Every structure is written in C-alpha cells, then in structure tokens.
Protein backbone atom coordinates (compact mmCIF):
# COMPACT_ATOMS: atom_id res chain seq x y z
CA MET A 1 -0.08 0.09 -0.05
CA ARG A 2 2.62 2.38 0.99
CA MET A 3 4.57 1.60 -2.34
CA MET A 4 1.39 2.35 -4.43
CA MET A 5 1.06 5.71 -2.69
CA LEU A 6 4.62 6.56 -3.21
CA ALA A 7 4.33 5.66 -6.88
CA ALA A 8 1.19 7.75 -7.45
CA GLY A 9 2.82 10.78 -5.56
CA ALA A 10 5.81 10.44 -7.91
CA ALA A 11 3.63 10.32 -10.84
CA LEU A 12 1.93 13.46 -9.81
CA ALA A 13 5.15 15.34 -9.06
CA THR A 14 6.56 14.60 -12.44
CA GLY A 15 3.30 15.30 -14.45
CA PRO A 16 3.07 18.27 -16.85
CA ALA A 17 3.49 21.55 -15.09
CA LEU A 18 1.34 24.49 -15.93
CA ALA A 19 3.21 26.50 -18.60
CA ASP A 20 4.54 29.73 -17.46
CA LEU A 21 2.88 32.99 -18.66
CA VAL A 22 5.28 35.25 -20.81
CA LYS A 23 4.51 38.95 -21.56
CA VAL A 24 3.60 39.76 -25.06
CA ASP A 25 4.95 43.33 -25.83
CA ASP A 26 5.10 43.13 -29.52
CA GLN A 27 2.16 43.57 -31.95
CA GLN A 28 3.62 41.15 -34.43
CA ARG A 29 3.94 38.36 -31.90
CA PHE A 30 0.43 39.15 -30.67
CA VAL A 31 -1.02 38.84 -34.13
CA GLN A 32 0.82 35.65 -34.62
CA LEU A 33 -0.81 34.26 -31.45
CA VAL A 34 -4.49 35.18 -32.36
CA ASN A 35 -4.61 35.11 -36.13
CA GLY A 36 -7.08 32.49 -37.22
CA LYS A 37 -7.88 31.38 -33.67
CA THR A 38 -10.87 31.78 -31.45
CA LEU A 39 -10.30 33.11 -27.82
CA THR A 40 -12.52 30.92 -25.62
CA ARG A 41 -13.62 30.86 -22.09
CA PRO A 42 -16.97 29.58 -20.61
CA PHE A 43 -19.79 31.34 -22.41
CA VAL A 44 -17.31 33.49 -24.42
CA LYS A 45 -16.02 33.19 -27.91
CA LEU A 46 -13.92 35.95 -29.66
CA ASN A 47 -12.09 36.53 -32.76
CA VAL A 48 -9.26 39.26 -32.58
CA LYS A 49 -8.49 39.97 -36.02
CA PRO A 50 -5.36 41.36 -37.56
CA ASP A 51 -7.39 44.24 -39.23
CA GLY A 52 -8.14 45.73 -35.87
CA LYS A 53 -11.67 44.27 -35.44
CA ILE A 54 -13.00 42.18 -32.58
CA GLU A 55 -16.05 39.98 -32.98
CA GLY A 56 -17.76 37.13 -31.17
CA ARG A 57 -20.22 36.36 -28.54
CA GLY A 58 -20.37 36.71 -24.70
CA ALA A 59 -23.13 34.88 -23.00
CA ARG A 60 -26.24 35.64 -25.31
CA TRP A 61 -24.99 38.82 -26.65
CA ASP A 62 -22.73 39.82 -29.58
CA VAL A 63 -19.34 41.27 -28.88
CA GLU A 64 -17.73 43.77 -31.34
CA GLY A 65 -15.20 46.38 -31.20
CA THR A 66 -11.80 47.48 -32.46
CA TRP A 67 -8.27 47.15 -31.07
CA SER A 68 -4.80 48.63 -31.60
CA TRP A 69 -1.41 48.15 -30.23
CA LYS A 70 0.05 50.95 -28.00
CA ASP A 71 3.53 51.06 -26.13
CA GLY A 72 3.42 47.20 -25.68
CA TYR A 73 -0.33 46.94 -24.73
CA PHE A 74 -3.53 45.67 -26.41
CA CYS A 75 -5.75 48.55 -26.52
CA ARG A 76 -9.56 47.77 -27.22
CA ASP A 77 -12.76 49.66 -27.49
CA LEU A 78 -15.46 47.05 -26.96
CA PHE A 79 -19.25 46.88 -27.09
CA TRP A 80 -21.09 43.79 -25.58
CA GLY A 81 -24.81 43.46 -26.59
CA GLY A 82 -24.67 47.13 -27.73
CA ASP A 83 -23.40 48.39 -24.38
CA ALA A 84 -20.10 50.22 -24.34
CA LEU A 85 -17.44 48.52 -22.27
CA GLY A 86 -15.14 51.40 -22.96
CA TYR A 87 -11.66 51.90 -24.09
CA ASN A 88 -8.88 49.94 -22.04
CA CYS A 89 -5.13 49.17 -22.79
CA GLN A 90 -4.35 45.62 -21.24
CA GLU A 91 -1.15 43.66 -20.66
CA VAL A 92 -1.16 40.46 -22.58
CA GLN A 93 0.61 37.25 -21.41
CA ALA A 94 0.64 33.86 -23.08
CA THR A 95 1.62 30.39 -22.53
CA ALA A 96 3.27 27.67 -24.96
CA ASP A 97 0.21 25.47 -24.36
CA GLY A 98 -2.28 27.90 -26.01
CA ARG A 99 -3.67 30.06 -23.37
CA ILE A 100 -3.68 33.90 -23.49
CA LYS A 101 -4.28 36.32 -20.51
CA PHE A 102 -5.41 39.90 -20.57
CA THR A 103 -5.12 42.12 -17.67
CA SER A 104 -6.92 45.51 -17.72
CA ASP A 105 -5.39 48.93 -16.86
CA ARG A 106 -1.96 48.04 -18.33
CA GLY A 107 -1.52 44.95 -16.05
CA ALA A 108 -2.93 46.70 -12.79
CA GLY A 109 -6.53 45.59 -12.93
CA ASP A 110 -8.76 42.63 -13.46
CA SER A 111 -7.62 39.77 -15.90
CA ALA A 112 -9.31 37.01 -17.91
CA MET A 113 -7.72 33.94 -19.15
CA PHE A 114 -8.57 32.59 -22.59
CA ARG A 115 -7.87 29.25 -24.62
CA LEU A 116 -6.60 29.83 -28.23
CA ARG A 117 -8.61 27.27 -30.58
C-alpha cells in the first residue's frame, strides 16, 4: 500500500506543469498568436482579427469592437450586447500550451484567461 502511494505521488510530481505566462509586448507576436484562432472561455468566444476588429459572443450577446497596439499593450474599445465597455489598454501574457491572459489597466486591473482554439 505504501509503495502504491509513493508511486502515485511520484507520478503526480513529475506530471506536466502548468506552462509559464510570458508577457507579449510586440504587436507582431500578438497577431501571430491570435490570427485564425478563437479566444474561448466559458460562455465567451471571440475573434481578434489582424485588421483591428474584434467579433464574437459573450453569453447571449454579440461582442464587437476595435483594437490597436500602443506602447506594448493591447488597447481595445469594446461593445457587448450594444453596451459600451469602453476603451482600455491591457497587458497580454501567453503560454506555450495555447492560453492567453489579458489584464486590464496596463496590467494593474482585473484579468481574464482564454484558450486559443
């Protein structure tokens, strides 16, 4: 029994670790990450397009807006179900395993993690 517990513990310890988040501070790198992909999280699917448009759905409502890259940050002006969410510049971080994190207020605010699919 003790040997089985030790083996199970060793398997957990050597399993895949969560990939580290790395800051994306270059527009070209950002576009490479999101181009042709859908950003997903529960009840949300977004497409951030290289031409500066954002389209998708959040819960039951359409999401649309525009984005630009300024001083190393993703700056977006977003509408959700017709309501303005406003302009905000966000820090972007990504992982090698296909996740991307946006943190509002240039990295000082709330954050949201998405899968790139």
